[in-house]
Amino acid sequence: MHALSIPTWMIHISSVIEWIVAIALIWRYGEITGDRVWWGLSFAMLPALISALCACTWHFFDNPDSLSWLVTLQAAMTVLGNTTLCLAAWWIWRSSRSPGVN
C-alpha cells in the first residue's frame, strides 16, 4: 500500500464510492420515472467502475509485475466504459427527441 500517499488513497476510494452511489441513484431515477434509458446508463457505468477497481487493486498490492494484467484490464475497461457511456448518452438524447419511444 506504499505506492500511493494517504491523500491519494482517500481520493481513489472516495471516487469509487461516489461512482457506486451515482450508479445506484441513476438506477433509482429510472425506477421512479419508469424510463429505462436511465437503467441503460447505470449499466453503461459499470465498465468504468471495474476500471477503477483494477487500478485500486493494483496499487493496493504495490504495483507488482505479477498483477500487471490488471493494467491491461483497466485500459480495456476504460475503452469499453467510454464507449458504453457514449452509447447510453446517445440513447438518452434519442429518447428525449422522440417522446414515447424508450
PDB file of N, CA and C in Angstrom:
ATOM      1  N   MET A   1       0.817  -1.197   0.000  1.00  0.00           N
ATOM      2  CA  MET A   1       0.000   0.000   0.000  1.00  0.00           C
ATOM      3  C   MET A   1       0.857   1.256   0.000  1.00  0.00           C
ATOM      4  N   HIS A   2       2.142   1.114  -0.163  1.00  0.00           N
ATOM      5  CA  HIS A   2       3.030   2.264  -0.115  1.00  0.00           C
ATOM      6  C   HIS A   2       3.147   2.971  -1.461  1.00  0.00           C
ATOM      7  N   ALA A   3       2.472   2.428  -2.486  1.00  0.00           N
ATOM      8  CA  ALA A   3       2.581   3.020  -3.814  1.00  0.00           C
ATOM      9  C   ALA A   3       1.918   4.393  -3.880  1.00  0.00           C
ATOM     10  N   LEU A   4       0.926   4.620  -3.032  1.00  0.00           N
ATOM     11  CA  LEU A   4       0.201   5.885  -3.048  1.00  0.00           C
ATOM     12  C   LEU A   4       0.191   6.502  -1.653  1.00  0.00           C
ATOM     13  N   SER A   5       0.128   7.817  -1.612  1.00  0.00           N
ATOM     14  CA  SER A   5       0.038   8.508  -0.325  1.00  0.00           C
ATOM     15  C   SER A   5      -1.384   8.380   0.239  1.00  0.00           C
ATOM     16  N   ILE A   6      -1.532   8.667   1.506  1.00  0.00           N
ATOM     17  CA  ILE A   6      -2.851   8.606   2.155  1.00  0.00           C
ATOM     18  C   ILE A   6      -3.853   9.545   1.467  1.00  0.00           C
ATOM     19  N   PRO A   7      -3.490  10.808   1.173  1.00  0.00           N
ATOM     20  CA  PRO A   7      -4.459  11.668   0.473  1.00  0.00           C
ATOM     21  C   PRO A   7      -4.868  11.112  -0.898  1.00  0.00           C
ATOM     22  N   THR A   8      -3.925  10.495  -1.597  1.00  0.00           N
ATOM     23  CA  THR A   8      -4.250   9.917  -2.899  1.00  0.00           C
ATOM     24  C   THR A   8      -5.192   8.732  -2.733  1.00  0.00           C
ATOM     25  N   TRP A   9      -4.940   7.917  -1.699  1.00  0.00           N
ATOM     26  CA  TRP A   9      -5.857   6.802  -1.407  1.00  0.00           C
ATOM     27  C   TRP A   9      -7.252   7.325  -1.086  1.00  0.00           C
ATOM     28  N   MET A  10      -7.321   8.402  -0.340  1.00  0.00           N
ATOM     29  CA  MET A  10      -8.624   8.972   0.010  1.00  0.00           C
ATOM     30  C   MET A  10      -9.387   9.390  -1.246  1.00  0.00           C
ATOM     31  N   ILE A  11      -8.691   9.975  -2.187  1.00  0.00           N
ATOM     32  CA  ILE A  11      -9.321  10.387  -3.443  1.00  0.00           C
ATOM     33  C   ILE A  11      -9.770   9.165  -4.235  1.00  0.00           C
ATOM     34  N   HIS A  12      -8.899   8.146  -4.335  1.00  0.00           N
ATOM     35  CA  HIS A  12      -9.249   6.923  -5.070  1.00  0.00           C
ATOM     36  C   HIS A  12     -10.490   6.268  -4.470  1.00  0.00           C
ATOM     37  N   ILE A  13     -10.486   6.082  -3.172  1.00  0.00           N
ATOM     38  CA  ILE A  13     -11.593   5.380  -2.517  1.00  0.00           C
ATOM     39  C   ILE A  13     -12.876   6.195  -2.582  1.00  0.00           C
ATOM     40  N   SER A  14     -12.782   7.493  -2.331  1.00  0.00           N
ATOM     41  CA  SER A  14     -13.999   8.312  -2.391  1.00  0.00           C
ATOM     42  C   SER A  14     -14.556   8.367  -3.815  1.00  0.00           C
ATOM     43  N   SER A  15     -13.703   8.357  -4.813  1.00  0.00           N
ATOM     44  CA  SER A  15     -14.171   8.358  -6.203  1.00  0.00           C
ATOM     45  C   SER A  15     -14.928   7.079  -6.532  1.00  0.00           C
ATOM     46  N   VAL A  16     -14.418   5.947  -6.060  1.00  0.00           N
ATOM     47  CA  VAL A  16     -15.097   4.672  -6.292  1.00  0.00           C
ATOM     48  C   VAL A  16     -16.454   4.678  -5.585  1.00  0.00           C
ATOM     49  N   ILE A  17     -16.488   5.148  -4.355  1.00  0.00           N
ATOM     50  CA  ILE A  17     -17.753   5.207  -3.606  1.00  0.00           C
ATOM     51  C   ILE A  17     -18.741   6.138  -4.307  1.00  0.00           C
ATOM     52  N   GLU A  18     -18.271   7.291  -4.747  1.00  0.00           N
ATOM     53  CA  GLU A  18     -19.137   8.232  -5.459  1.00  0.00           C
ATOM     54  C   GLU A  18     -19.700   7.613  -6.733  1.00  0.00           C
ATOM     55  N   TRP A  19     -18.894   6.865  -7.448  1.00  0.00           N
ATOM     56  CA  TRP A  19     -19.331   6.236  -8.693  1.00  0.00           C
ATOM     57  C   TRP A  19     -20.409   5.197  -8.399  1.00  0.00           C
ATOM     58  N   ILE A  20     -20.227   4.410  -7.319  1.00  0.00           N
ATOM     59  CA  ILE A  20     -21.228   3.405  -6.931  1.00  0.00           C
ATOM     60  C   ILE A  20     -22.540   4.092  -6.549  1.00  0.00           C
ATOM     61  N   VAL A  21     -22.450   5.162  -5.786  1.00  0.00           N
ATOM     62  CA  VAL A  21     -23.654   5.907  -5.383  1.00  0.00           C
ATOM     63  C   VAL A  21     -24.341   6.490  -6.619  1.00  0.00           C
ATOM     64  N   ALA A  22     -23.574   7.022  -7.549  1.00  0.00           N
ATOM     65  CA  ALA A  22     -24.153   7.587  -8.774  1.00  0.00           C
ATOM     66  C   ALA A  22     -24.884   6.511  -9.571  1.00  0.00           C
ATOM     67  N   ILE A  23     -24.296   5.335  -9.693  1.00  0.00           N
ATOM     68  CA  ILE A  23     -24.956   4.237 -10.400  1.00  0.00           C
ATOM     69  C   ILE A  23     -26.285   3.906  -9.730  1.00  0.00           C
ATOM     70  N   ALA A  24     -26.267   3.801  -8.402  1.00  0.00           N
ATOM     71  CA  ALA A  24     -27.490   3.468  -7.663  1.00  0.00           C
ATOM     72  C   ALA A  24     -28.550   4.552  -7.809  1.00  0.00           C
ATOM     73  N   LEU A  25     -28.140   5.808  -7.724  1.00  0.00           N
ATOM     74  CA  LEU A  25     -29.107   6.907  -7.841  1.00  0.00           C
ATOM     75  C   LEU A  25     -29.715   6.989  -9.251  1.00  0.00           C
ATOM     76  N   ILE A  26     -28.889   6.772 -10.261  1.00  0.00           N
ATOM     77  CA  ILE A  26     -29.402   6.791 -11.639  1.00  0.00           C
ATOM     78  C   ILE A  26     -30.361   5.629 -11.860  1.00  0.00           C
ATOM     79  N   TRP A  27     -30.018   4.459 -11.328  1.00  0.00           N
ATOM     80  CA  TRP A  27     -30.912   3.307 -11.423  1.00  0.00           C
ATOM     81  C   TRP A  27     -32.257   3.628 -10.763  1.00  0.00           C
ATOM     82  N   ARG A  28     -32.192   4.207  -9.571  1.00  0.00           N
ATOM     83  CA  ARG A  28     -33.406   4.555  -8.832  1.00  0.00           C
ATOM     84  C   ARG A  28     -34.232   5.584  -9.602  1.00  0.00           C
ATOM     85  N   TYR A  29     -33.570   6.554 -10.205  1.00  0.00           N
ATOM     86  CA  TYR A  29     -34.276   7.554 -11.014  1.00  0.00           C
ATOM     87  C   TYR A  29     -35.028   6.866 -12.154  1.00  0.00           C
ATOM     88  N   GLY A  30     -34.392   5.886 -12.765  1.00  0.00           N
ATOM     89  CA  GLY A  30     -35.062   5.122 -13.819  1.00  0.00           C
ATOM     90  C   GLY A  30     -36.279   4.376 -13.305  1.00  0.00           C
ATOM     91  N   GLU A  31     -36.189   3.840 -12.084  1.00  0.00           N
ATOM     92  CA  GLU A  31     -37.339   3.166 -11.483  1.00  0.00           C
ATOM     93  C   GLU A  31     -38.478   4.146 -11.224  1.00  0.00           C
ATOM     94  N   ILE A  32     -38.146   5.290 -10.667  1.00  0.00           N
ATOM     95  CA  ILE A  32     -39.169   6.283 -10.313  1.00  0.00           C
ATOM     96  C   ILE A  32     -39.863   6.824 -11.554  1.00  0.00           C
ATOM     97  N   THR A  33     -39.091   7.130 -12.582  1.00  0.00           N
ATOM     98  CA  THR A  33     -39.669   7.707 -13.800  1.00  0.00           C
ATOM     99  C   THR A  33     -40.225   6.649 -14.739  1.00  0.00           C
ATOM    100  N   GLY A  34     -39.808   5.396 -14.549  1.00  0.00           N
ATOM    101  CA  GLY A  34     -40.230   4.337 -15.461  1.00  0.00           C
ATOM    102  C   GLY A  34     -39.554   4.431 -16.816  1.00  0.00           C
ATOM    103  N   ASP A  35     -38.494   5.201 -16.886  1.00  0.00           N
ATOM    104  CA  ASP A  35     -37.764   5.422 -18.142  1.00  0.00           C
ATOM    105  C   ASP A  35     -36.531   4.531 -18.167  1.00  0.00           C
ATOM    106  N   ARG A  36     -36.572   3.497 -18.986  1.00  0.00           N
ATOM    107  CA  ARG A  36     -35.489   2.501 -18.972  1.00  0.00           C
ATOM    108  C   ARG A  36     -34.165   3.005 -19.534  1.00  0.00           C
ATOM    109  N   VAL A  37     -34.141   4.146 -20.189  1.00  0.00           N
ATOM    110  CA  VAL A  37     -32.859   4.664 -20.688  1.00  0.00           C
ATOM    111  C   VAL A  37     -31.907   4.944 -19.532  1.00  0.00           C
ATOM    112  N   TRP A  38     -32.442   5.278 -18.372  1.00  0.00           N
ATOM    113  CA  TRP A  38     -31.589   5.547 -17.213  1.00  0.00           C
ATOM    114  C   TRP A  38     -30.996   4.262 -16.669  1.00  0.00           C
ATOM    115  N   TRP A  39     -31.707   3.156 -16.791  1.00  0.00           N
ATOM    116  CA  TRP A  39     -31.127   1.866 -16.407  1.00  0.00           C
ATOM    117  C   TRP A  39     -29.960   1.540 -17.336  1.00  0.00           C
ATOM    118  N   GLY A  40     -30.125   1.889 -18.597  1.00  0.00           N
ATOM    119  CA  GLY A  40     -29.040   1.680 -19.555  1.00  0.00           C
ATOM    120  C   GLY A  40     -27.794   2.464 -19.171  1.00  0.00           C
ATOM    121  N   LEU A  41     -27.999   3.694 -18.697  1.00  0.00           N
ATOM    122  CA  LEU A  41     -26.864   4.494 -18.252  1.00  0.00           C
ATOM    123  C   LEU A  41     -26.193   3.842 -17.048  1.00  0.00           C
ATOM    124  N   SER A  42     -26.985   3.310 -16.130  1.00  0.00           N
ATOM    125  CA  SER A  42     -26.406   2.624 -14.963  1.00  0.00           C
ATOM    126  C   SER A  42     -25.523   1.459 -15.393  1.00  0.00           C
ATOM    127  N   PHE A  43     -26.015   0.642 -16.309  1.00  0.00           N
ATOM    128  CA  PHE A  43     -25.209  -0.473 -16.804  1.00  0.00           C
ATOM    129  C   PHE A  43     -23.976   0.023 -17.547  1.00  0.00           C
ATOM    130  N   ALA A  44     -24.133   1.113 -18.288  1.00  0.00           N
ATOM    131  CA  ALA A  44     -23.013   1.662 -19.056  1.00  0.00           C
ATOM    132  C   ALA A  44     -21.894   2.167 -18.154  1.00  0.00           C
ATOM    133  N   MET A  45     -22.220   2.488 -16.910  1.00  0.00           N
ATOM    134  CA  MET A  45     -21.223   2.992 -15.959  1.00  0.00           C
ATOM    135  C   MET A  45     -20.380   1.865 -15.338  1.00  0.00           C
ATOM    136  N   LEU A  46     -20.826   0.635 -15.437  1.00  0.00           N
ATOM    137  CA  LEU A  46     -20.133  -0.476 -14.775  1.00  0.00           C
ATOM    138  C   LEU A  46     -18.701  -0.720 -15.274  1.00  0.00           C
ATOM    139  N   PRO A  47     -18.431  -0.666 -16.590  1.00  0.00           N
ATOM    140  CA  PRO A  47     -17.039  -0.870 -17.000  1.00  0.00           C
ATOM    141  C   PRO A  47     -16.067   0.156 -16.408  1.00  0.00           C
ATOM    142  N   ALA A  48     -16.507   1.400 -16.265  1.00  0.00           N
ATOM    143  CA  ALA A  48     -15.645   2.417 -15.655  1.00  0.00           C
ATOM    144  C   ALA A  48     -15.394   2.091 -14.181  1.00  0.00           C
ATOM    145  N   LEU A  49     -16.391   1.545 -13.518  1.00  0.00           N
ATOM    146  CA  LEU A  49     -16.213   1.130 -12.122  1.00  0.00           C
ATOM    147  C   LEU A  49     -15.219  -0.021 -12.041  1.00  0.00           C
ATOM    148  N   ILE A  50     -15.324  -0.973 -12.938  1.00  0.00           N
ATOM    149  CA  ILE A  50     -14.369  -2.089 -12.967  1.00  0.00           C
ATOM    150  C   ILE A  50     -12.962  -1.564 -13.213  1.00  0.00           C
ATOM    151  N   SER A  51     -12.834  -0.596 -14.104  1.00  0.00           N
ATOM    152  CA  SER A  51     -11.533   0.012 -14.383  1.00  0.00           C
ATOM    153  C   SER A  51     -10.941   0.627 -13.116  1.00  0.00           C
ATOM    154  N   ALA A  52     -11.747   1.353 -12.388  1.00  0.00           N
ATOM    155  CA  ALA A  52     -11.271   1.980 -11.145  1.00  0.00           C
ATOM    156  C   ALA A  52     -10.872   0.938 -10.110  1.00  0.00           C
ATOM    157  N   LEU A  53     -11.637  -0.120 -10.016  1.00  0.00           N
ATOM    158  CA  LEU A  53     -11.310  -1.181  -9.058  1.00  0.00           C
ATOM    159  C   LEU A  53     -10.013  -1.895  -9.443  1.00  0.00           C
ATOM    160  N   CYS A  54      -9.772  -2.044 -10.728  1.00  0.00           N
ATOM    161  CA  CYS A  54      -8.500  -2.630 -11.186  1.00  0.00           C
ATOM    162  C   CYS A  54      -7.329  -1.763 -10.731  1.00  0.00           C
ATOM    163  N   ALA A  55      -7.455  -0.457 -10.921  1.00  0.00           N
ATOM    164  CA  ALA A  55      -6.378   0.458 -10.531  1.00  0.00           C
ATOM    165  C   ALA A  55      -6.149   0.411  -9.029  1.00  0.00           C
ATOM    166  N   CYS A  56      -7.224   0.445  -8.261  1.00  0.00           N
ATOM    167  CA  CYS A  56      -7.083   0.409  -6.799  1.00  0.00           C
ATOM    168  C   CYS A  56      -6.457  -0.896  -6.330  1.00  0.00           C
ATOM    169  N   THR A  57      -6.866  -2.003  -6.946  1.00  0.00           N
ATOM    170  CA  THR A  57      -6.307  -3.309  -6.573  1.00  0.00           C
ATOM    171  C   THR A  57      -4.820  -3.357  -6.872  1.00  0.00           C
ATOM    172  N   TRP A  58      -4.427  -2.901  -8.047  1.00  0.00           N
ATOM    173  CA  TRP A  58      -3.012  -2.928  -8.429  1.00  0.00           C
ATOM    174  C   TRP A  58      -2.183  -2.072  -7.474  1.00  0.00           C
ATOM    175  N   HIS A  59      -2.673  -0.890  -7.156  1.00  0.00           N
ATOM    176  CA  HIS A  59      -1.958  -0.015  -6.224  1.00  0.00           C
ATOM    177  C   HIS A  59      -1.935  -0.582  -4.809  1.00  0.00           C
ATOM    178  N   PHE A  60      -3.033  -1.225  -4.399  1.00  0.00           N
ATOM    179  CA  PHE A  60      -3.106  -1.785  -3.052  1.00  0.00           C
ATOM    180  C   PHE A  60      -1.982  -2.797  -2.807  1.00  0.00           C
ATOM    181  N   PHE A  61      -1.662  -3.565  -3.834  1.00  0.00           N
ATOM    182  CA  PHE A  61      -0.602  -4.568  -3.721  1.00  0.00           C
ATOM    183  C   PHE A  61       0.758  -4.043  -4.176  1.00  0.00           C
ATOM    184  N   ASP A  62       0.945  -2.727  -4.184  1.00  0.00           N
ATOM    185  CA  ASP A  62       2.214  -2.064  -4.510  1.00  0.00           C
ATOM    186  C   ASP A  62       2.691  -2.305  -5.940  1.00  0.00           C
ATOM    187  N   ASN A  63       1.768  -2.341  -6.873  1.00  0.00           N
ATOM    188  CA  ASN A  63       2.083  -2.397  -8.305  1.00  0.00           C
ATOM    189  C   ASN A  63       3.012  -3.551  -8.703  1.00  0.00           C
ATOM    190  N   PRO A  64       2.729  -4.780  -8.278  1.00  0.00           N
ATOM    191  CA  PRO A  64       3.645  -5.870  -8.617  1.00  0.00           C
ATOM    192  C   PRO A  64       3.535  -6.269 -10.086  1.00  0.00           C
ATOM    193  N   ASP A  65       4.648  -6.736 -10.633  1.00  0.00           N
ATOM    194  CA  ASP A  65       4.648  -7.212 -12.021  1.00  0.00           C
ATOM    195  C   ASP A  65       3.688  -8.376 -12.213  1.00  0.00           C
ATOM    196  N   SER A  66       3.503  -9.170 -11.172  1.00  0.00           N
ATOM    197  CA  SER A  66       2.622 -10.337 -11.284  1.00  0.00           C
ATOM    198  C   SER A  66       1.162  -9.939 -11.510  1.00  0.00           C
ATOM    199  N   LEU A  67       0.816  -8.704 -11.189  1.00  0.00           N
ATOM    200  CA  LEU A  67      -0.548  -8.221 -11.411  1.00  0.00           C
ATOM    201  C   LEU A  67      -0.618  -7.201 -12.547  1.00  0.00           C
ATOM    202  N   SER A  68       0.384  -7.203 -13.406  1.00  0.00           N
ATOM    203  CA  SER A  68       0.399  -6.221 -14.497  1.00  0.00           C
ATOM    204  C   SER A  68      -0.770  -6.417 -15.461  1.00  0.00           C
ATOM    205  N   TRP A  69      -1.369  -7.610 -15.462  1.00  0.00           N
ATOM    206  CA  TRP A  69      -2.549  -7.847 -16.293  1.00  0.00           C
ATOM    207  C   TRP A  69      -3.706  -6.932 -15.882  1.00  0.00           C
ATOM    208  N   LEU A  70      -3.689  -6.480 -14.620  1.00  0.00           N
ATOM    209  CA  LEU A  70      -4.731  -5.550 -14.177  1.00  0.00           C
ATOM    210  C   LEU A  70      -4.653  -4.220 -14.922  1.00  0.00           C
ATOM    211  N   VAL A  71      -3.442  -3.826 -15.285  1.00  0.00           N
ATOM    212  CA  VAL A  71      -3.271  -2.576 -16.037  1.00  0.00           C
ATOM    213  C   VAL A  71      -3.914  -2.725 -17.419  1.00  0.00           C
ATOM    214  N   THR A  72      -3.711  -3.875 -18.035  1.00  0.00           N
ATOM    215  CA  THR A  72      -4.325  -4.138 -19.337  1.00  0.00           C
ATOM    216  C   THR A  72      -5.841  -4.190 -19.218  1.00  0.00           C
ATOM    217  N   LEU A  73      -6.327  -4.871 -18.175  1.00  0.00           N
ATOM    218  CA  LEU A  73      -7.772  -4.937 -17.950  1.00  0.00           C
ATOM    219  C   LEU A  73      -8.342  -3.551 -17.678  1.00  0.00           C
ATOM    220  N   GLN A  74      -7.618  -2.749 -16.912  1.00  0.00           N
ATOM    221  CA  GLN A  74      -8.079  -1.383 -16.635  1.00  0.00           C
ATOM    222  C   GLN A  74      -8.194  -0.587 -17.934  1.00  0.00           C
ATOM    223  N   ALA A  75      -7.191  -0.695 -18.785  1.00  0.00           N
ATOM    224  CA  ALA A  75      -7.231   0.032 -20.061  1.00  0.00           C
ATOM    225  C   ALA A  75      -8.404  -0.428 -20.918  1.00  0.00           C
ATOM    226  N   ALA A  76      -8.608  -1.738 -20.977  1.00  0.00           N
ATOM    227  CA  ALA A  76      -9.719  -2.272 -21.769  1.00  0.00           C
ATOM    228  C   ALA A  76     -11.060  -1.814 -21.215  1.00  0.00           C
ATOM    229  N   MET A  77     -11.197  -1.818 -19.905  1.00  0.00           N
ATOM    230  CA  MET A  77     -12.449  -1.385 -19.284  1.00  0.00           C
ATOM    231  C   MET A  77     -12.678   0.117 -19.462  1.00  0.00           C
ATOM    232  N   THR A  78     -11.596   0.883 -19.510  1.00  0.00           N
ATOM    233  CA  THR A  78     -11.725   2.317 -19.758  1.00  0.00           C
ATOM    234  C   THR A  78     -12.264   2.554 -21.166  1.00  0.00           C
ATOM    235  N   VAL A  79     -11.713   1.858 -22.147  1.00  0.00           N
ATOM    236  CA  VAL A  79     -12.187   1.996 -23.531  1.00  0.00           C
ATOM    237  C   VAL A  79     -13.637   1.537 -23.638  1.00  0.00           C
ATOM    238  N   LEU A  80     -13.929   0.368 -23.063  1.00  0.00           N
ATOM    239  CA  LEU A  80     -15.298  -0.151 -23.103  1.00  0.00           C
ATOM    240  C   LEU A  80     -16.248   0.803 -22.376  1.00  0.00           C
ATOM    241  N   GLY A  81     -15.829   1.305 -21.217  1.00  0.00           N
ATOM    242  CA  GLY A  81     -16.666   2.222 -20.445  1.00  0.00           C
ATOM    243  C   GLY A  81     -16.941   3.510 -21.186  1.00  0.00           C
ATOM    244  N   ASN A  82     -15.930   4.065 -21.825  1.00  0.00           N
ATOM    245  CA  ASN A  82     -16.142   5.288 -22.605  1.00  0.00           C
ATOM    246  C   ASN A  82     -17.123   5.041 -23.745  1.00  0.00           C
ATOM    247  N   THR A  83     -17.014   3.876 -24.361  1.00  0.00           N
ATOM    248  CA  THR A  83     -17.910   3.523 -25.461  1.00  0.00           C
ATOM    249  C   THR A  83     -19.342   3.333 -24.962  1.00  0.00           C
ATOM    250  N   THR A  84     -19.500   2.580 -23.871  1.00  0.00           N
ATOM    251  CA  THR A  84     -20.854   2.337 -23.364  1.00  0.00           C
ATOM    252  C   THR A  84     -21.490   3.622 -22.835  1.00  0.00           C
ATOM    253  N   LEU A  85     -20.705   4.489 -22.222  1.00  0.00           N
ATOM    254  CA  LEU A  85     -21.250   5.767 -21.757  1.00  0.00           C
ATOM    255  C   LEU A  85     -21.671   6.650 -22.930  1.00  0.00           C
ATOM    256  N   CYS A  86     -20.895   6.618 -23.998  1.00  0.00           N
ATOM    257  CA  CYS A  86     -21.257   7.375 -25.197  1.00  0.00           C
ATOM    258  C   CYS A  86     -22.569   6.851 -25.777  1.00  0.00           C
ATOM    259  N   LEU A  87     -22.702   5.530 -25.851  1.00  0.00           N
ATOM    260  CA  LEU A  87     -23.935   4.936 -26.378  1.00  0.00           C
ATOM    261  C   LEU A  87     -25.133   5.240 -25.477  1.00  0.00           C
ATOM    262  N   ALA A  88     -24.921   5.192 -24.167  1.00  0.00           N
ATOM    263  CA  ALA A  88     -26.011   5.498 -23.242  1.00  0.00           C
ATOM    264  C   ALA A  88     -26.434   6.958 -23.377  1.00  0.00           C
ATOM    265  N   ALA A  89     -25.476   7.852 -23.520  1.00  0.00           N
ATOM    266  CA  ALA A  89     -25.803   9.268 -23.703  1.00  0.00           C
ATOM    267  C   ALA A  89     -26.585   9.473 -24.997  1.00  0.00           C
ATOM    268  N   TRP A  90     -26.160   8.770 -26.044  1.00  0.00           N
ATOM    269  CA  TRP A  90     -26.888   8.855 -27.314  1.00  0.00           C
ATOM    270  C   TRP A  90     -28.306   8.338 -27.140  1.00  0.00           C
ATOM    271  N   TRP A  91     -28.482   7.229 -26.409  1.00  0.00           N
ATOM    272  CA  TRP A  91     -29.802   6.652 -26.184  1.00  0.00           C
ATOM    273  C   TRP A  91     -30.697   7.630 -25.411  1.00  0.00           C
ATOM    274  N   ILE A  92     -30.134   8.277 -24.406  1.00  0.00           N
ATOM    275  CA  ILE A  92     -30.893   9.277 -23.640  1.00  0.00           C
ATOM    276  C   ILE A  92     -31.275  10.446 -24.547  1.00  0.00           C
ATOM    277  N   TRP A  93     -30.326  10.916 -25.344  1.00  0.00           N
ATOM    278  CA  TRP A  93     -30.603  12.025 -26.265  1.00  0.00           C
ATOM    279  C   TRP A  93     -31.705  11.647 -27.266  1.00  0.00           C
ATOM    280  N   ARG A  94     -31.583  10.452 -27.831  1.00  0.00           N
ATOM    281  CA  ARG A  94     -32.550   9.995 -28.827  1.00  0.00           C
ATOM    282  C   ARG A  94     -33.945   9.872 -28.206  1.00  0.00           C
ATOM    283  N   SER A  95     -34.001   9.337 -26.985  1.00  0.00           N
ATOM    284  CA  SER A  95     -35.318   9.164 -26.353  1.00  0.00           C
ATOM    285  C   SER A  95     -35.931  10.513 -25.962  1.00  0.00           C
ATOM    286  N   SER A  96     -35.124  11.503 -25.700  1.00  0.00           N
ATOM    287  CA  SER A  96     -35.661  12.826 -25.355  1.00  0.00           C
ATOM    288  C   SER A  96     -36.215  13.537 -26.579  1.00  0.00           C
ATOM    289  N   ARG A  97     -35.741  13.158 -27.762  1.00  0.00           N
ATOM    290  CA  ARG A  97     -36.201  13.767 -29.010  1.00  0.00           C
ATOM    291  C   ARG A  97     -37.427  13.067 -29.567  1.00  0.00           C
ATOM    292  N   SER A  98     -37.684  11.848 -29.101  1.00  0.00           N
ATOM    293  CA  SER A  98     -38.815  11.075 -29.587  1.00  0.00           C
ATOM    294  C   SER A  98     -39.675  10.639 -28.403  1.00  0.00           C
ATOM    295  N   PRO A  99     -40.596  11.498 -27.963  1.00  0.00           N
ATOM    296  CA  PRO A  99     -41.416  11.136 -26.795  1.00  0.00           C
ATOM    297  C   PRO A  99     -42.164   9.825 -27.020  1.00  0.00           C
ATOM    298  N   GLY A 100     -42.152   8.987 -25.979  1.00  0.00           N
ATOM    299  CA  GLY A 100     -42.861   7.713 -26.036  1.00  0.00           C
ATOM    300  C   GLY A 100     -42.059   6.577 -26.644  1.00  0.00           C
ATOM    301  N   VAL A 101     -40.845   6.829 -27.110  1.00  0.00           N
ATOM    302  CA  VAL A 101     -40.019   5.779 -27.686  1.00  0.00           C
ATOM    303  C   VAL A 101     -38.843   5.547 -26.751  1.00  0.00           C
ATOM    304  N   ASN A 102     -38.931   4.575 -25.871  1.00  0.00           N
ATOM    305  CA  ASN A 102     -37.844   4.251 -24.955  1.00  0.00           C
ATOM    306  C   ASN A 102     -37.473   2.836 -25.193  1.00  0.00           C
TER     307      ASN A 102
END
